[in-house]
């Protein structure tokens, strides 16, 4: 193992991102954080994951602080609700740009820094909605299907190198995004208020509860370690039985 493991986490100030950063730091990893808006925390940089130059600036900033990256975790993501027939192109593009293009740019631009390390772990936060479509969020599902395909393809491109690429696929997670999604379904789809929609989300999960950010962070921690060296190209469910393939 390298003397000091280093990681870059996108979407680091969201619910899942914060948990991932905290867990990696508890594992002894130095974590560089980025998000569209950051606080004044050390080792944090505001960047727009959709913008190629902004991501390049992020990587230049990271390179000035660390000699290499062992781990890159792409947590940046957005969602809203719209049936396909009512979905605007702007809605479609925003979700695809953040969730899929943002992941592509982060992986592509960080790869040279990852290759400098003795081992690398590229970990994409996808979703179990990237395996089975869901009514009302087709753009989100398409973006997460795309993230899984991107990760699997890159994993095969990097076979023979000490770099793995995997996805973590949570079911709906108990974060502010879950509350926002419940509000969106209530206002756009109707047939219930936000609290009822939240209950419906959880009722669909066999384990009987929502995913937590810590559940996701535990999976990331394992995939970020040396012991996961023979696991690549996988999309690992963290879904309480909601998704089983």
Protein backbone atom coordinates (compact mmCIF):
# COMPACT_ATOMS: atom_id res chain seq x y z
CA UNK A 1 0.00 0.00 0.00
CA UNK A 2 1.20 3.52 -0.70
CA UNK A 3 2.34 5.59 2.29
CA UNK A 4 -0.59 7.96 1.98
CA UNK A 5 -3.71 7.06 0.06
CA UNK A 6 -5.43 9.95 -1.67
CA UNK A 7 -8.93 10.38 -3.05
CA UNK A 8 -10.96 12.88 -5.02
CA UNK A 9 -14.71 12.94 -4.43
CA UNK A 10 -17.13 14.84 -6.67
CA UNK A 11 -20.50 15.92 -5.30
CA UNK A 12 -18.68 15.89 -1.97
CA UNK A 13 -21.07 18.23 -0.18
CA UNK A 14 -24.24 16.26 -0.91
CA UNK A 15 -25.70 13.67 1.43
CA UNK A 16 -23.89 10.65 -0.03
CA UNK A 17 -20.76 12.64 -0.83
CA UNK A 18 -20.32 13.82 2.76
CA UNK A 19 -20.68 10.27 4.08
CA UNK A 20 -18.20 8.93 1.53
CA UNK A 21 -15.64 11.60 2.42
CA UNK A 22 -16.03 10.96 6.14
CA UNK A 23 -15.67 7.20 5.71
CA UNK A 24 -12.60 7.46 3.50
CA UNK A 25 -10.97 9.83 5.97
CA UNK A 26 -11.72 7.38 8.79
CA UNK A 27 -9.92 4.79 6.65
CA UNK A 28 -6.83 7.01 6.64
CA UNK A 29 -7.29 8.45 3.16
CA UNK A 30 -6.54 12.09 2.36
CA UNK A 31 -9.68 13.36 0.63
CA UNK A 32 -9.93 16.21 -1.86
CA UNK A 33 -13.51 17.47 -2.16
CA UNK A 34 -15.27 19.15 -5.05
CA UNK A 35 -18.82 20.27 -5.72
CA UNK A 36 -20.61 23.04 -7.57
CA UNK A 37 -20.69 25.00 -4.29
CA UNK A 38 -18.31 24.23 -1.43
CA UNK A 39 -17.67 25.60 2.03
CA UNK A 40 -14.32 26.85 3.27
CA UNK A 41 -13.10 23.41 4.25
CA UNK A 42 -9.49 22.61 3.51
CA UNK A 43 -8.83 20.58 0.39
CA UNK A 44 -12.07 21.67 -1.30
CA UNK A 45 -12.54 23.22 -4.75
CA UNK A 46 -15.67 24.51 -6.45
CA UNK A 47 -16.10 23.11 -9.94
CA UNK A 48 -18.86 22.42 -12.45
CA UNK A 49 -18.73 18.73 -13.35
CA UNK A 50 -20.56 19.45 -16.63
CA UNK A 51 -17.87 21.80 -17.91
CA UNK A 52 -14.73 20.33 -19.48
CA UNK A 53 -12.46 23.26 -18.59
CA UNK A 54 -13.80 23.41 -15.04
CA UNK A 55 -12.98 19.73 -14.55
CA UNK A 56 -9.50 20.26 -16.00
CA UNK A 57 -9.00 23.14 -13.57
CA UNK A 58 -10.09 20.83 -10.77
CA UNK A 59 -7.52 18.22 -11.72
CA UNK A 60 -4.78 20.86 -11.97
CA UNK A 61 -5.75 22.01 -8.47
CA UNK A 62 -5.60 18.42 -7.22
CA UNK A 63 -2.24 17.83 -8.87
CA UNK A 64 -0.80 20.84 -7.02
CA UNK A 65 -1.74 19.17 -3.73
CA UNK A 66 -1.06 15.47 -4.26
CA UNK A 67 1.36 13.51 -6.41
CA UNK A 68 -1.22 10.91 -7.37
CA UNK A 69 -4.77 9.76 -6.76
CA UNK A 70 -5.59 6.26 -5.58
CA UNK A 71 -9.35 6.74 -5.51
CA UNK A 72 -11.87 8.78 -7.49
CA UNK A 73 -15.51 8.68 -6.40
CA UNK A 74 -18.11 10.38 -8.59
CA UNK A 75 -21.05 11.34 -6.38
CA UNK A 76 -22.35 14.42 -8.22
CA UNK A 77 -25.96 13.88 -9.28
CA UNK A 78 -29.33 15.54 -9.78
CA UNK A 79 -32.91 14.37 -10.29
CA UNK A 80 -36.36 15.78 -10.92
CA UNK A 81 -39.70 14.36 -12.01
CA UNK A 82 -41.30 14.60 -15.45
CA UNK A 83 -43.15 12.08 -17.61
CA UNK A 84 -41.41 11.76 -20.96
CA UNK A 85 -44.25 13.41 -22.89
CA UNK A 86 -44.00 16.50 -20.68
CA UNK A 87 -40.23 16.57 -20.22
CA UNK A 88 -38.46 19.59 -21.62
CA UNK A 89 -35.16 19.25 -23.43
CA UNK A 90 -33.62 21.45 -20.72
CA UNK A 91 -34.74 19.00 -18.02
CA UNK A 92 -33.37 16.06 -19.97
CA UNK A 93 -30.07 17.79 -20.70
CA UNK A 94 -29.45 18.95 -17.14
CA UNK A 95 -29.77 15.44 -15.69
CA UNK A 96 -27.71 13.82 -18.45
CA UNK A 97 -25.04 16.53 -18.24
CA UNK A 98 -24.54 16.28 -14.48
CA UNK A 99 -24.99 12.56 -13.96
CA UNK A 100 -23.43 11.08 -17.08
CA UNK A 101 -21.24 13.69 -18.76
CA UNK A 102 -19.96 14.82 -15.37
CA UNK A 103 -18.95 11.26 -14.53
CA UNK A 104 -17.23 10.82 -17.90
CA UNK A 105 -15.24 14.04 -17.53
CA UNK A 106 -14.13 13.23 -13.99
CA UNK A 107 -12.97 9.74 -14.92
CA UNK A 108 -11.20 10.85 -18.08
CA UNK A 109 -9.41 13.81 -16.57
CA UNK A 110 -8.41 12.06 -13.32
CA UNK A 111 -7.05 8.93 -14.98
CA UNK A 112 -3.49 10.26 -15.52
CA UNK A 113 -3.20 11.07 -11.80
CA UNK A 114 -4.59 7.65 -10.89
CA UNK A 115 -2.08 5.93 -13.14
CA UNK A 116 0.75 7.48 -11.11
CA UNK A 117 -0.26 5.46 -8.05
CA UNK A 118 0.52 1.87 -7.16
CA UNK A 119 -3.18 1.07 -7.44
CA UNK A 120 -6.27 2.95 -8.51
CA UNK A 121 -9.97 2.68 -7.76
CA UNK A 122 -12.53 4.51 -9.88
CA UNK A 123 -15.93 4.30 -8.18
CA UNK A 124 -19.11 5.71 -9.68
CA UNK A 125 -22.24 6.28 -7.61
CA UNK A 126 -24.90 5.03 -10.00
CA UNK A 127 -28.34 3.81 -8.85
CA UNK A 128 -30.51 0.73 -8.93
CA UNK A 129 -32.60 2.93 -11.26
CA UNK A 130 -29.69 2.37 -13.65
CA UNK A 131 -30.77 -1.26 -13.94
CA UNK A 132 -34.57 -1.01 -14.07
CA UNK A 133 -36.56 1.92 -15.45
CA UNK A 134 -38.85 3.96 -13.23
CA UNK A 135 -41.90 5.97 -14.35
CA UNK A 136 -41.47 9.71 -14.09
CA UNK A 137 -37.68 9.78 -14.01
CA UNK A 138 -36.68 8.46 -17.43
CA UNK A 139 -33.87 11.00 -17.78
CA UNK A 140 -32.40 9.96 -14.42
CA UNK A 141 -32.66 6.25 -15.28
CA UNK A 142 -31.06 6.85 -18.69
CA UNK A 143 -28.20 8.73 -17.07
CA UNK A 144 -27.54 5.98 -14.54
CA UNK A 145 -27.82 3.19 -17.13
CA UNK A 146 -25.21 5.22 -18.99
CA UNK A 147 -22.93 5.52 -15.96
CA UNK A 148 -22.97 1.74 -15.52
CA UNK A 149 -22.18 1.19 -19.21
CA UNK A 150 -19.39 3.77 -19.07
CA UNK A 151 -17.83 2.15 -16.01
CA UNK A 152 -18.03 -1.35 -17.43
CA UNK A 153 -16.44 -0.26 -20.71
CA UNK A 154 -13.64 1.65 -18.97
CA UNK A 155 -13.00 -1.32 -16.70
CA UNK A 156 -12.33 -3.47 -19.75
CA UNK A 157 -10.13 -0.80 -21.32
CA UNK A 158 -7.98 -0.78 -18.18
CA UNK A 159 -7.65 -4.56 -17.77
CA UNK A 160 -3.96 -5.30 -17.21
CA UNK A 161 -3.43 -2.09 -15.27
CA UNK A 162 -3.71 -1.87 -11.47
CA UNK A 163 -6.87 0.25 -11.81
CA UNK A 164 -10.39 -1.04 -11.24
CA UNK A 165 -13.68 0.62 -12.17
CA UNK A 166 -16.93 -0.17 -10.41
CA UNK A 167 -20.34 1.30 -9.62
CA UNK A 168 -22.29 1.41 -6.39
CA UNK A 169 -26.05 1.31 -7.04
CA UNK A 170 -28.14 2.50 -4.10
CA UNK A 171 -31.89 2.34 -3.84
CA UNK A 172 -33.46 5.68 -2.88
CA UNK A 173 -31.31 7.12 -0.14
CA UNK A 174 -32.40 9.06 2.94
CA UNK A 175 -30.92 12.42 1.93
CA UNK A 176 -32.37 15.83 1.07
CA UNK A 177 -32.69 14.51 -2.49
CA UNK A 178 -35.25 11.97 -1.25
CA UNK A 179 -37.38 14.73 0.24
CA UNK A 180 -37.08 16.77 -2.94
CA UNK A 181 -38.09 13.76 -5.03
CA UNK A 182 -41.14 13.10 -2.86
CA UNK A 183 -42.19 16.73 -3.24
CA UNK A 184 -41.70 16.52 -7.01
CA UNK A 185 -43.79 13.36 -7.36
CA UNK A 186 -46.55 14.91 -5.25
CA UNK A 187 -46.66 18.07 -7.35
CA UNK A 188 -46.05 16.59 -10.80
CA UNK A 189 -47.75 13.18 -10.59
CA UNK A 190 -50.20 13.92 -7.79
CA UNK A 191 -52.16 11.13 -6.04
CA UNK A 192 -50.74 11.88 -2.63
CA UNK A 193 -48.68 14.38 -0.69
CA UNK A 194 -44.92 14.26 -0.17
CA UNK A 195 -45.15 12.20 3.01
CA UNK A 196 -47.27 9.60 1.24
CA UNK A 197 -44.79 9.41 -1.62
CA UNK A 198 -41.93 8.96 0.82
CA UNK A 199 -43.86 6.08 2.37
CA UNK A 200 -44.37 4.53 -1.05
CA UNK A 201 -40.66 4.69 -1.79
CA UNK A 202 -39.81 2.84 1.42
CA UNK A 203 -42.67 0.32 1.06
CA UNK A 204 -41.10 -0.89 -2.21
CA UNK A 205 -37.85 -1.85 -0.45
CA UNK A 206 -37.94 -5.42 0.89
CA UNK A 207 -35.62 -4.53 3.78
CA UNK A 208 -38.26 -2.08 5.00
CA UNK A 209 -36.15 1.06 5.14
CA UNK A 210 -34.45 3.57 2.91
CA UNK A 211 -30.78 3.32 2.13
CA UNK A 212 -28.59 5.59 4.25
CA UNK A 213 -25.51 7.52 3.12
CA UNK A 214 -23.48 5.33 5.48
CA UNK A 215 -24.68 2.20 3.65
CA UNK A 216 -23.25 3.61 0.43
CA UNK A 217 -20.05 4.74 2.11
CA UNK A 218 -19.40 1.25 3.48
CA UNK A 219 -19.50 -0.18 -0.05
CA UNK A 220 -17.25 2.58 -1.36
CA UNK A 221 -14.77 1.92 1.43
CA UNK A 222 -14.47 -1.72 0.42
CA UNK A 223 -14.11 -0.96 -3.28
CA UNK A 224 -11.50 1.69 -2.50
CA UNK A 225 -9.24 -0.79 -0.74
CA UNK A 226 -6.50 -3.06 -2.03
CA UNK A 227 -8.56 -6.14 -1.14
CA UNK A 228 -10.98 -5.39 -4.00
CA UNK A 229 -8.29 -5.73 -6.68
CA UNK A 230 -10.07 -8.61 -8.49
CA UNK A 231 -13.41 -6.79 -8.68
CA UNK A 232 -13.87 -4.59 -11.73
CA UNK A 233 -16.66 -3.73 -14.13
CA UNK A 234 -19.29 -4.42 -11.48
CA UNK A 235 -22.44 -2.54 -10.50
CA UNK A 236 -22.97 -3.46 -6.86
CA UNK A 237 -26.45 -3.00 -5.43
CA UNK A 238 -26.92 -1.33 -2.07
CA UNK A 239 -30.66 -1.64 -2.21
CA UNK A 240 -32.09 -3.76 0.60
CA UNK A 241 -33.26 -6.33 -1.93
CA UNK A 242 -35.04 -3.80 -4.17
CA UNK A 243 -32.76 -4.73 -7.05
CA UNK A 244 -31.24 -8.20 -7.26
CA UNK A 245 -29.27 -8.29 -10.49
